[in-house]
PDB file of all heavy atoms in Angstrom:
ATOM      1  N   ILE A   1     102.907  99.663 100.686  1.00  0.00           N
ATOM      2  CA  ILE A   1     103.574  98.367 100.855  1.00  0.00           C
ATOM      3  C   ILE A   1     104.935  98.388 100.168  1.00  0.00           C
ATOM      4  O   ILE A   1     105.949  97.958 100.737  1.00  0.00           O
ATOM      5  CB  ILE A   1     102.683  97.239 100.292  1.00  0.00           C
ATOM      6  CG1 ILE A   1     101.401  97.129 101.114  1.00  0.00           C
ATOM      7  CG2 ILE A   1     103.433  95.919 100.267  1.00  0.00           C
ATOM      8  CD1 ILE A   1     100.394  96.136 100.562  1.00  0.00           C
ATOM      9  N   VAL A   2     104.965  98.920  98.941  1.00  0.00           N
ATOM     10  CA  VAL A   2     106.237  99.020  98.226  1.00  0.00           C
ATOM     11  C   VAL A   2     107.192  99.939  98.975  1.00  0.00           C
ATOM     12  O   VAL A   2     108.390  99.643  99.124  1.00  0.00           O
ATOM     13  CB  VAL A   2     106.004  99.527  96.787  1.00  0.00           C
ATOM     14  CG1 VAL A   2     107.330  99.771  96.077  1.00  0.00           C
ATOM     15  CG2 VAL A   2     105.156  98.527  96.003  1.00  0.00           C
ATOM     16  N   GLN A   3     106.665 101.051  99.483  1.00  0.00           N
ATOM     17  CA  GLN A   3     107.509 101.999 100.213  1.00  0.00           C
ATOM     18  C   GLN A   3     108.088 101.359 101.482  1.00  0.00           C
ATOM     19  O   GLN A   3     109.268 101.537 101.804  1.00  0.00           O
ATOM     20  CB  GLN A   3     106.691 103.236 100.585  1.00  0.00           C
ATOM     21  CG  GLN A   3     107.490 104.310 101.296  1.00  0.00           C
ATOM     22  CD  GLN A   3     106.597 105.431 101.811  1.00  0.00           C
ATOM     23  OE1 GLN A   3     105.544 105.166 102.405  1.00  0.00           O
ATOM     24  NE2 GLN A   3     107.013 106.682 101.580  1.00  0.00           N
ATOM     25  N   SER A   4     107.276 100.550 102.190  1.00  0.00           N
ATOM     26  CA  SER A   4     107.735  99.914 103.422  1.00  0.00           C
ATOM     27  C   SER A   4     108.828  98.877 103.152  1.00  0.00           C
ATOM     28  O   SER A   4     109.847  98.837 103.852  1.00  0.00           O
ATOM     29  CB  SER A   4     106.547  99.250 104.127  1.00  0.00           C
ATOM     30  OG  SER A   4     106.972  98.518 105.249  1.00  0.00           O
ATOM     31  N   VAL A   5     108.634  98.038 102.147  1.00  0.00           N
ATOM     32  CA  VAL A   5     109.637  97.009 101.832  1.00  0.00           C
ATOM     33  C   VAL A   5     110.937  97.661 101.377  1.00  0.00           C
ATOM     34  O   VAL A   5     112.032  97.252 101.792  1.00  0.00           O
ATOM     35  CB  VAL A   5     109.090  96.053 100.754  1.00  0.00           C
ATOM     36  CG1 VAL A   5     110.184  95.118 100.244  1.00  0.00           C
ATOM     37  CG2 VAL A   5     107.909  95.250 101.288  1.00  0.00           C
ATOM     38  N   ALA A   6     110.819  98.676 100.540  1.00  0.00           N
ATOM     39  CA  ALA A   6     112.028  99.344 100.055  1.00  0.00           C
ATOM     40  C   ALA A   6     112.777 100.031 101.203  1.00  0.00           C
ATOM     41  O   ALA A   6     114.018 100.003 101.251  1.00  0.00           O
ATOM     42  CB  ALA A   6     111.653 100.364  98.983  1.00  0.00           C
ATOM     43  N   SER A   7     112.059 100.642 102.142  1.00  0.00           N
ATOM     44  CA  SER A   7     112.715 101.311 103.271  1.00  0.00           C
ATOM     45  C   SER A   7     113.376 100.296 104.206  1.00  0.00           C
ATOM     46  O   SER A   7     114.463 100.548 104.729  1.00  0.00           O
ATOM     47  CB  SER A   7     111.699 102.143 104.043  1.00  0.00           C
ATOM     48  OG  SER A   7     111.133 103.144 103.221  1.00  0.00           O
ATOM     49  N   THR A   8     112.731  99.142 104.397  1.00  0.00           N
ATOM     50  CA  THR A   8     113.283  98.128 105.299  1.00  0.00           C
ATOM     51  C   THR A   8     114.627  97.618 104.806  1.00  0.00           C
ATOM     52  O   THR A   8     115.572  97.438 105.590  1.00  0.00           O
ATOM     53  CB  THR A   8     112.297  96.955 105.447  1.00  0.00           C
ATOM     54  OG1 THR A   8     111.063  97.445 105.975  1.00  0.00           O
ATOM     55  CG2 THR A   8     112.860  95.881 106.366  1.00  0.00           C
ATOM     56  N   TRP A   9     114.750  97.409 103.514  1.00  0.00           N
ATOM     57  CA  TRP A   9     115.967  96.806 102.960  1.00  0.00           C
ATOM     58  C   TRP A   9     116.821  97.815 102.189  1.00  0.00           C
ATOM     59  O   TRP A   9     117.766  97.424 101.509  1.00  0.00           O
ATOM     60  CB  TRP A   9     115.593  95.635 102.049  1.00  0.00           C
ATOM     61  CG  TRP A   9     114.768  94.602 102.779  1.00  0.00           C
ATOM     62  CD1 TRP A   9     113.463  94.307 102.583  1.00  0.00           C
ATOM     63  CD2 TRP A   9     115.212  93.762 103.843  1.00  0.00           C
ATOM     64  NE1 TRP A   9     113.035  93.334 103.439  1.00  0.00           N
ATOM     65  CE2 TRP A   9     114.104  92.968 104.239  1.00  0.00           C
ATOM     66  CE3 TRP A   9     116.421  93.589 104.525  1.00  0.00           C
ATOM     67  CZ2 TRP A   9     114.171  92.031 105.257  1.00  0.00           C
ATOM     68  CZ3 TRP A   9     116.484  92.655 105.543  1.00  0.00           C
ATOM     69  CH2 TRP A   9     115.387  91.887 105.905  1.00  0.00           C
ATOM     70  N   HIS A  10     116.495  99.088 102.306  1.00  0.00           N
ATOM     71  CA  HIS A  10     117.294 100.161 101.717  1.00  0.00           C
ATOM     72  C   HIS A  10     117.456  99.978 100.196  1.00  0.00           C
ATOM     73  O   HIS A  10     118.550 100.111  99.642  1.00  0.00           O
ATOM     74  CB  HIS A  10     118.683 100.233 102.376  1.00  0.00           C
ATOM     75  CG  HIS A  10     118.622 100.296 103.868  1.00  0.00           C
ATOM     76  ND1 HIS A  10     118.211 101.430 104.544  1.00  0.00           N
ATOM     77  CD2 HIS A  10     118.917  99.358 104.819  1.00  0.00           C
ATOM     78  CE1 HIS A  10     118.261 101.202 105.847  1.00  0.00           C
ATOM     79  NE2 HIS A  10     118.678  99.959 106.039  1.00  0.00           N
ATOM     80  N   ILE A  11     116.334  99.664  99.573  1.00  0.00           N
ATOM     81  CA  ILE A  11     116.334  99.468  98.117  1.00  0.00           C
ATOM     82  C   ILE A  11     115.860 100.764  97.457  1.00  0.00           C
ATOM     83  O   ILE A  11     114.837 101.352  97.854  1.00  0.00           O
ATOM     84  CB  ILE A  11     115.398  98.313  97.716  1.00  0.00           C
ATOM     85  CG1 ILE A  11     115.814  97.014  98.427  1.00  0.00           C
ATOM     86  CG2 ILE A  11     115.406  98.093  96.213  1.00  0.00           C
ATOM     87  CD1 ILE A  11     114.835  95.859  98.212  1.00  0.00           C
ATOM     88  N   ALA A  12     116.596 101.194  96.447  1.00  0.00           N
ATOM     89  CA  ALA A  12     116.210 102.401  95.721  1.00  0.00           C
ATOM     90  C   ALA A  12     114.970 102.118  94.881  1.00  0.00           C
ATOM     91  O   ALA A  12     114.876 101.072  94.223  1.00  0.00           O
ATOM     92  CB  ALA A  12     117.358 102.862  94.830  1.00  0.00           C
ATOM     93  N   VAL A  13     113.996 103.051  94.914  1.00  0.00           N
ATOM     94  CA  VAL A  13     112.750 102.900  94.162  1.00  0.00           C
ATOM     95  C   VAL A  13     112.597 104.085  93.229  1.00  0.00           C
ATOM     96  O   VAL A  13     112.749 105.238  93.648  1.00  0.00           O
ATOM     97  CB  VAL A  13     111.519 102.819  95.098  1.00  0.00           C
ATOM     98  CG1 VAL A  13     110.242 102.682  94.269  1.00  0.00           C
ATOM     99  CG2 VAL A  13     111.655 101.666  96.067  1.00  0.00           C
ATOM    100  N   ARG A  14     112.260 103.763  91.981  1.00  0.00           N
ATOM    101  CA  ARG A  14     111.923 104.813  91.021  1.00  0.00           C
ATOM    102  C   ARG A  14     110.452 104.659  90.685  1.00  0.00           C
ATOM    103  O   ARG A  14     110.047 103.732  90.006  1.00  0.00           O
ATOM    104  CB  ARG A  14     112.773 104.695  89.759  1.00  0.00           C
ATOM    105  CG  ARG A  14     112.489 105.807  88.763  1.00  0.00           C
ATOM    106  CD  ARG A  14     113.406 105.715  87.572  1.00  0.00           C
ATOM    107  NE  ARG A  14     113.103 106.782  86.612  1.00  0.00           N
ATOM    108  CZ  ARG A  14     113.706 106.914  85.436  1.00  0.00           C
ATOM    109  NH1 ARG A  14     114.656 106.048  85.077  1.00  0.00           N
ATOM    110  NH2 ARG A  14     113.379 107.895  84.631  1.00  0.00           N
ATOM    111  N   ALA A  15     109.620 105.584  91.235  1.00  0.00           N
ATOM    112  CA  ALA A  15     108.180 105.544  91.023  1.00  0.00           C
ATOM    113  C   ALA A  15     107.838 106.273  89.730  1.00  0.00           C
ATOM    114  O   ALA A  15     108.313 107.395  89.490  1.00  0.00           O
ATOM    115  CB  ALA A  15     107.448 106.180  92.201  1.00  0.00           C
ATOM    116  N   ILE A  16     107.003 105.629  88.902  1.00  0.00           N
ATOM    117  CA  ILE A  16     106.649 106.186  87.595  1.00  0.00           C
ATOM    118  C   ILE A  16     105.133 106.246  87.494  1.00  0.00           C
ATOM    119  O   ILE A  16     104.443 105.238  87.643  1.00  0.00           O
ATOM    120  CB  ILE A  16     107.218 105.326  86.451  1.00  0.00           C
ATOM    121  CG1 ILE A  16     108.748 105.283  86.554  1.00  0.00           C
ATOM    122  CG2 ILE A  16     106.785 105.864  85.099  1.00  0.00           C
ATOM    123  CD1 ILE A  16     109.396 104.411  85.503  1.00  0.00           C
ATOM    124  N   SER A  17     104.616 107.470  87.261  1.00  0.00           N
ATOM    125  CA  SER A  17     103.179 107.673  87.120  1.00  0.00           C
ATOM    126  C   SER A  17     102.774 107.409  85.673  1.00  0.00           C
ATOM    127  O   SER A  17     103.320 108.031  84.742  1.00  0.00           O
ATOM    128  CB  SER A  17     102.799 109.097  87.525  1.00  0.00           C
ATOM    129  OG  SER A  17     101.427 109.330  87.265  1.00  0.00           O
ATOM    130  N   THR A  18     101.841 106.505  85.500  1.00  0.00           N
ATOM    131  CA  THR A  18     101.430 106.152  84.133  1.00  0.00           C
ATOM    132  C   THR A  18     100.388 107.124  83.575  1.00  0.00           C
ATOM    133  O   THR A  18     100.166 107.148  82.363  1.00  0.00           O
ATOM    134  CB  THR A  18     100.846 104.725  84.108  1.00  0.00           C
ATOM    135  OG1 THR A  18      99.727 104.659  84.995  1.00  0.00           O
ATOM    136  CG2 THR A  18     101.897 103.713  84.539  1.00  0.00           C
ATOM    137  N   ASP A  19      99.740 107.915  84.449  1.00  0.00           N
ATOM    138  CA  ASP A  19      98.761 108.882  83.958  1.00  0.00           C
ATOM    139  C   ASP A  19      99.161 110.317  84.281  1.00  0.00           C
ATOM    140  O   ASP A  19      98.385 111.257  84.078  1.00  0.00           O
ATOM    141  CB  ASP A  19      97.375 108.591  84.537  1.00  0.00           C
ATOM    142  CG  ASP A  19      97.342 108.684  86.058  1.00  0.00           C
ATOM    143  OD1 ASP A  19      98.407 108.922  86.673  1.00  0.00           O
ATOM    144  OD2 ASP A  19      96.254 108.496  86.639  1.00  0.00           O
ATOM    145  N   GLY A  20     100.375 110.489  84.819  1.00  0.00           N
ATOM    146  CA  GLY A  20     100.869 111.830  85.125  1.00  0.00           C
ATOM    147  C   GLY A  20     100.456 112.342  86.481  1.00  0.00           C
ATOM    148  O   GLY A  20     100.905 113.416  86.898  1.00  0.00           O
ATOM    149  N   GLY A  21      99.574 111.629  87.205  1.00  0.00           N
ATOM    150  CA  GLY A  21      99.106 112.088  88.507  1.00  0.00           C
ATOM    151  C   GLY A  21     100.126 111.814  89.603  1.00  0.00           C
ATOM    152  O   GLY A  21     100.984 110.926  89.475  1.00  0.00           O
ATOM    153  N   PRO A  22     100.048 112.542  90.726  1.00  0.00           N
ATOM    154  CA  PRO A  22     101.032 112.400  91.808  1.00  0.00           C
ATOM    155  C   PRO A  22     100.718 111.209  92.719  1.00  0.00           C
ATOM    156  O   PRO A  22      99.676 110.573  92.631  1.00  0.00           O
ATOM    157  CB  PRO A  22     100.894 113.718  92.566  1.00  0.00           C
ATOM    158  CG  PRO A  22      99.458 114.093  92.365  1.00  0.00           C
ATOM    159  CD  PRO A  22      99.083 113.634  90.999  1.00  0.00           C
ATOM    160  N   SER A  23     101.640 110.915  93.626  1.00  0.00           N
ATOM    161  CA  SER A  23     101.471 109.894  94.652  1.00  0.00           C
ATOM    162  C   SER A  23     101.971 110.474  95.964  1.00  0.00           C
ATOM    163  O   SER A  23     103.097 110.984  96.037  1.00  0.00           O
ATOM    164  CB  SER A  23     102.262 108.625  94.311  1.00  0.00           C
ATOM    165  OG  SER A  23     102.269 107.728  95.403  1.00  0.00           O
ATOM    166  N   ARG A  24     101.158 110.361  96.997  1.00  0.00           N
ATOM    167  CA  ARG A  24     101.566 110.926  98.278  1.00  0.00           C
ATOM    168  C   ARG A  24     102.653 110.099  98.953  1.00  0.00           C
ATOM    169  O   ARG A  24     103.340 110.585  99.860  1.00  0.00           O
ATOM    170  CB  ARG A  24     100.357 111.070  99.206  1.00  0.00           C
ATOM    171  CG  ARG A  24      99.614 109.775  99.468  1.00  0.00           C
ATOM    172  CD  ARG A  24      98.290 110.065 100.187  1.00  0.00           C
ATOM    173  NE  ARG A  24      97.526 108.852 100.457  1.00  0.00           N
ATOM    174  CZ  ARG A  24      97.640 108.138 101.564  1.00  0.00           C
ATOM    175  NH1 ARG A  24      98.475 108.534 102.515  1.00  0.00           N
ATOM    176  NH2 ARG A  24      96.905 107.059 101.743  1.00  0.00           N
ATOM    177  N   HIS A  25     102.835 108.883  98.535  1.00  0.00           N
ATOM    178  CA  HIS A  25     103.879 108.041  99.107  1.00  0.00           C
ATOM    179  C   HIS A  25     105.204 108.176  98.354  1.00  0.00           C
ATOM    180  O   HIS A  25     106.265 107.901  98.917  1.00  0.00           O
ATOM    181  CB  HIS A  25     103.444 106.567  99.100  1.00  0.00           C
ATOM    182  CG  HIS A  25     102.246 106.292  99.948  1.00  0.00           C
ATOM    183  ND1 HIS A  25     100.961 106.282  99.448  1.00  0.00           N
ATOM    184  CD2 HIS A  25     102.131 106.053 101.287  1.00  0.00           C
ATOM    185  CE1 HIS A  25     100.109 106.016 100.407  1.00  0.00           C
ATOM    186  NE2 HIS A  25     100.791 105.875 101.550  1.00  0.00           N
ATOM    187  N   PHE A  26     105.119 108.609  97.098  1.00  0.00           N
ATOM    188  CA  PHE A  26     106.332 108.803  96.290  1.00  0.00           C
ATOM    189  C   PHE A  26     106.271 110.197  95.651  1.00  0.00           C
ATOM    190  O   PHE A  26     105.924 110.348  94.483  1.00  0.00           O
ATOM    191  CB  PHE A  26     106.433 107.728  95.207  1.00  0.00           C
ATOM    192  CG  PHE A  26     106.570 106.332  95.762  1.00  0.00           C
ATOM    193  CD1 PHE A  26     105.460 105.490  95.838  1.00  0.00           C
ATOM    194  CD2 PHE A  26     107.797 105.860  96.205  1.00  0.00           C
ATOM    195  CE1 PHE A  26     105.588 104.204  96.344  1.00  0.00           C
ATOM    196  CE2 PHE A  26     107.925 104.578  96.709  1.00  0.00           C
ATOM    197  CZ  PHE A  26     106.814 103.740  96.784  1.00  0.00           C
ATOM    198  N   PRO A  27     106.595 111.200  96.428  1.00  0.00           N
ATOM    199  CA  PRO A  27     106.504 112.566  95.878  1.00  0.00           C
ATOM    200  C   PRO A  27     107.506 112.825  94.760  1.00  0.00           C
ATOM    201  O   PRO A  27     107.244 113.681  93.894  1.00  0.00           O
ATOM    202  CB  PRO A  27     106.780 113.451  97.100  1.00  0.00           C
ATOM    203  CG  PRO A  27     107.523 112.579  98.050  1.00  0.00           C
ATOM    204  CD  PRO A  27     107.029 111.201  97.836  1.00  0.00           C
ATOM    205  N   ASN A  28     108.599 112.110  94.737  1.00  0.00           N
ATOM    206  CA  ASN A  28     109.616 112.324  93.703  1.00  0.00           C
ATOM    207  C   ASN A  28     109.401 111.360  92.516  1.00  0.00           C
ATOM    208  O   ASN A  28     110.324 110.729  92.022  1.00  0.00           O
ATOM    209  CB  ASN A  28     111.009 112.114  94.281  1.00  0.00           C
ATOM    210  CG  ASN A  28     111.334 113.118  95.372  1.00  0.00           C
ATOM    211  OD1 ASN A  28     110.931 114.280  95.280  1.00  0.00           O
ATOM    212  ND2 ASN A  28     112.046 112.675  96.400  1.00  0.00           N
ATOM    213  N   TYR A  29     108.184 111.264  92.080  1.00  0.00           N
ATOM    214  CA  TYR A  29     107.856 110.368  90.970  1.00  0.00           C
ATOM    215  C   TYR A  29     108.234 111.010  89.638  1.00  0.00           C
ATOM    216  O   TYR A  29     108.490 112.232  89.567  1.00  0.00           O
ATOM    217  CB  TYR A  29     106.367 110.047  90.979  1.00  0.00           C
ATOM    218  CG  TYR A  29     105.483 111.213  90.615  1.00  0.00           C
ATOM    219  CD1 TYR A  29     105.072 111.425  89.303  1.00  0.00           C
ATOM    220  CD2 TYR A  29     105.066 112.123  91.595  1.00  0.00           C
ATOM    221  CE1 TYR A  29     104.268 112.503  88.973  1.00  0.00           C
ATOM    222  CE2 TYR A  29     104.268 113.189  91.276  1.00  0.00           C
ATOM    223  CZ  TYR A  29     103.861 113.383  89.952  1.00  0.00           C
ATOM    224  OH  TYR A  29     103.072 114.459  89.628  1.00  0.00           O
ATOM    225  N   THR A  30     108.250 110.208  88.584  1.00  0.00           N
ATOM    226  CA  THR A  30     108.429 110.704  87.211  1.00  0.00           C
ATOM    227  C   THR A  30     107.273 110.205  86.363  1.00  0.00           C
ATOM    228  O   THR A  30     106.622 109.204  86.703  1.00  0.00           O
ATOM    229  CB  THR A  30     109.757 110.208  86.608  1.00  0.00           C
ATOM    230  OG1 THR A  30     109.772 108.789  86.594  1.00  0.00           O
ATOM    231  CG2 THR A  30     110.947 110.730  87.406  1.00  0.00           C
ATOM    232  N   VAL A  31     107.022 110.912  85.284  1.00  0.00           N
ATOM    233  CA  VAL A  31     105.933 110.521  84.379  1.00  0.00           C
ATOM    234  C   VAL A  31     106.469 109.524  83.366  1.00  0.00           C
ATOM    235  O   VAL A  31     107.581 109.679  82.854  1.00  0.00           O
ATOM    236  CB  VAL A  31     105.339 111.763  83.683  1.00  0.00           C
ATOM    237  CG1 VAL A  31     104.235 111.343  82.717  1.00  0.00           C
ATOM    238  CG2 VAL A  31     104.817 112.763  84.726  1.00  0.00           C
ATOM    239  N   GLU A  32     105.654 108.533  83.081  1.00  0.00           N
ATOM    240  CA  GLU A  32     106.090 107.470  82.169  1.00  0.00           C
ATOM    241  C   GLU A  32     106.304 108.007  80.758  1.00  0.00           C
ATOM    242  O   GLU A  32     105.496 108.776  80.240  1.00  0.00           O
ATOM    243  CB  GLU A  32     105.057 106.338  82.137  1.00  0.00           C
ATOM    244  CG  GLU A  32     105.476 105.195  81.222  1.00  0.00           C
ATOM    245  CD  GLU A  32     104.455 104.078  81.183  1.00  0.00           C
ATOM    246  OE1 GLU A  32     103.316 104.278  81.659  1.00  0.00           O
ATOM    247  OE2 GLU A  32     104.779 103.004  80.653  1.00  0.00           O
ATOM    248  N   THR A  33     107.376 107.574  80.161  1.00  0.00           N
ATOM    249  CA  THR A  33     107.667 107.891  78.763  1.00  0.00           C
ATOM    250  C   THR A  33     108.020 106.585  78.031  1.00  0.00           C
ATOM    251  O   THR A  33     109.140 106.385  77.578  1.00  0.00           O
ATOM    252  CB  THR A  33     108.843 108.874  78.658  1.00  0.00           C
ATOM    253  OG1 THR A  33     109.983 108.321  79.350  1.00  0.00           O
ATOM    254  CG2 THR A  33     108.483 110.230  79.241  1.00  0.00           C
ATOM    255  N   ASN A  34     107.055 105.700  78.017  1.00  0.00           N
ATOM    256  CA  ASN A  34     107.176 104.431  77.292  1.00  0.00           C
ATOM    257  C   ASN A  34     108.176 103.458  77.940  1.00  0.00           C
ATOM    258  O   ASN A  34     108.706 102.575  77.266  1.00  0.00           O
ATOM    259  CB  ASN A  34     107.578 104.686  75.839  1.00  0.00           C
ATOM    260  CG  ASN A  34     107.053 103.613  74.902  1.00  0.00           C
ATOM    261  OD1 ASN A  34     106.016 103.003  75.169  1.00  0.00           O
ATOM    262  ND2 ASN A  34     107.762 103.373  73.808  1.00  0.00           N
ATOM    263  N   GLN A  35     108.433 103.599  79.243  1.00  0.00           N
ATOM    264  CA  GLN A  35     109.393 102.693  79.893  1.00  0.00           C
ATOM    265  C   GLN A  35     108.892 101.246  79.932  1.00  0.00           C
ATOM    266  O   GLN A  35     109.665 100.305  79.721  1.00  0.00           O
ATOM    267  CB  GLN A  35     109.680 103.154  81.333  1.00  0.00           C
ATOM    268  CG  GLN A  35     110.520 104.417  81.421  1.00  0.00           C
ATOM    269  CD  GLN A  35     109.651 105.653  81.579  1.00  0.00           C
ATOM    270  OE1 GLN A  35     108.510 105.671  81.091  1.00  0.00           O
ATOM    271  NE2 GLN A  35     110.171 106.685  82.215  1.00  0.00           N
ATOM    272  N   ARG A  36     107.613 101.040  80.232  1.00  0.00           N
ATOM    273  CA  ARG A  36     107.107  99.667  80.338  1.00  0.00           C
ATOM    274  C   ARG A  36     107.203  98.924  79.012  1.00  0.00           C
ATOM    275  O   ARG A  36     107.508  97.726  78.989  1.00  0.00           O
ATOM    276  CB  ARG A  36     105.658  99.676  80.836  1.00  0.00           C
ATOM    277  CG  ARG A  36     105.543  99.990  82.314  1.00  0.00           C
ATOM    278  CD  ARG A  36     104.126  99.830  82.800  1.00  0.00           C
ATOM    279  NE  ARG A  36     103.220 100.834  82.241  1.00  0.00           N
ATOM    280  CZ  ARG A  36     101.923 100.914  82.508  1.00  0.00           C
ATOM    281  NH1 ARG A  36     101.377 100.069  83.373  1.00  0.00           N
ATOM    282  NH2 ARG A  36     101.171 101.845  81.983  1.00  0.00           N
ATOM    283  N   THR A  37     106.947  99.604  77.923  1.00  0.00           N
ATOM    284  CA  THR A  37     107.044  98.945  76.618  1.00  0.00           C
ATOM    285  C   THR A  37     108.470  98.529  76.336  1.00  0.00           C
ATOM    286  O   THR A  37     108.729  97.426  75.826  1.00  0.00           O
ATOM    287  CB  THR A  37     106.538  99.883  75.517  1.00  0.00           C
ATOM    288  OG1 THR A  37     105.180 100.257  75.795  1.00  0.00           O
ATOM    289  CG2 THR A  37     106.610  99.203  74.165  1.00  0.00           C
ATOM    290  N   ARG A  38     109.431  99.383  76.670  1.00  0.00           N
ATOM    291  CA  ARG A  38     110.836  99.034  76.449  1.00  0.00           C
ATOM    292  C   ARG A  38     111.274  97.859  77.329  1.00  0.00           C
ATOM    293  O   ARG A  38     112.161  97.093  76.966  1.00  0.00           O
ATOM    294  CB  ARG A  38     111.726 100.249  76.721  1.00  0.00           C
ATOM    295  CG  ARG A  38     111.568 101.356  75.691  1.00  0.00           C
ATOM    296  CD  ARG A  38     112.738 102.325  75.760  1.00  0.00           C
ATOM    297  NE  ARG A  38     112.857 102.956  77.071  1.00  0.00           N
ATOM    298  CZ  ARG A  38     112.269 104.108  77.403  1.00  0.00           C
ATOM    299  NH1 ARG A  38     111.512 104.757  76.519  1.00  0.00           N
ATOM    300  NH2 ARG A  38     112.444 104.633  78.615  1.00  0.00           N
TER     301      ARG A  38
END
C-alpha cells in the first residue's frame, strides 16, 4: 500500500527495517539505527 501511494504521487520513500530483515517490496531498505527515537 505504501509502495503504491508513493509510486502514484512520485514520493521518495526510505524503508527502514527495524529487525534487520528484508522486504520484497522495498529491496533498497536500510537497517534502523535509532531513527524512530530521534
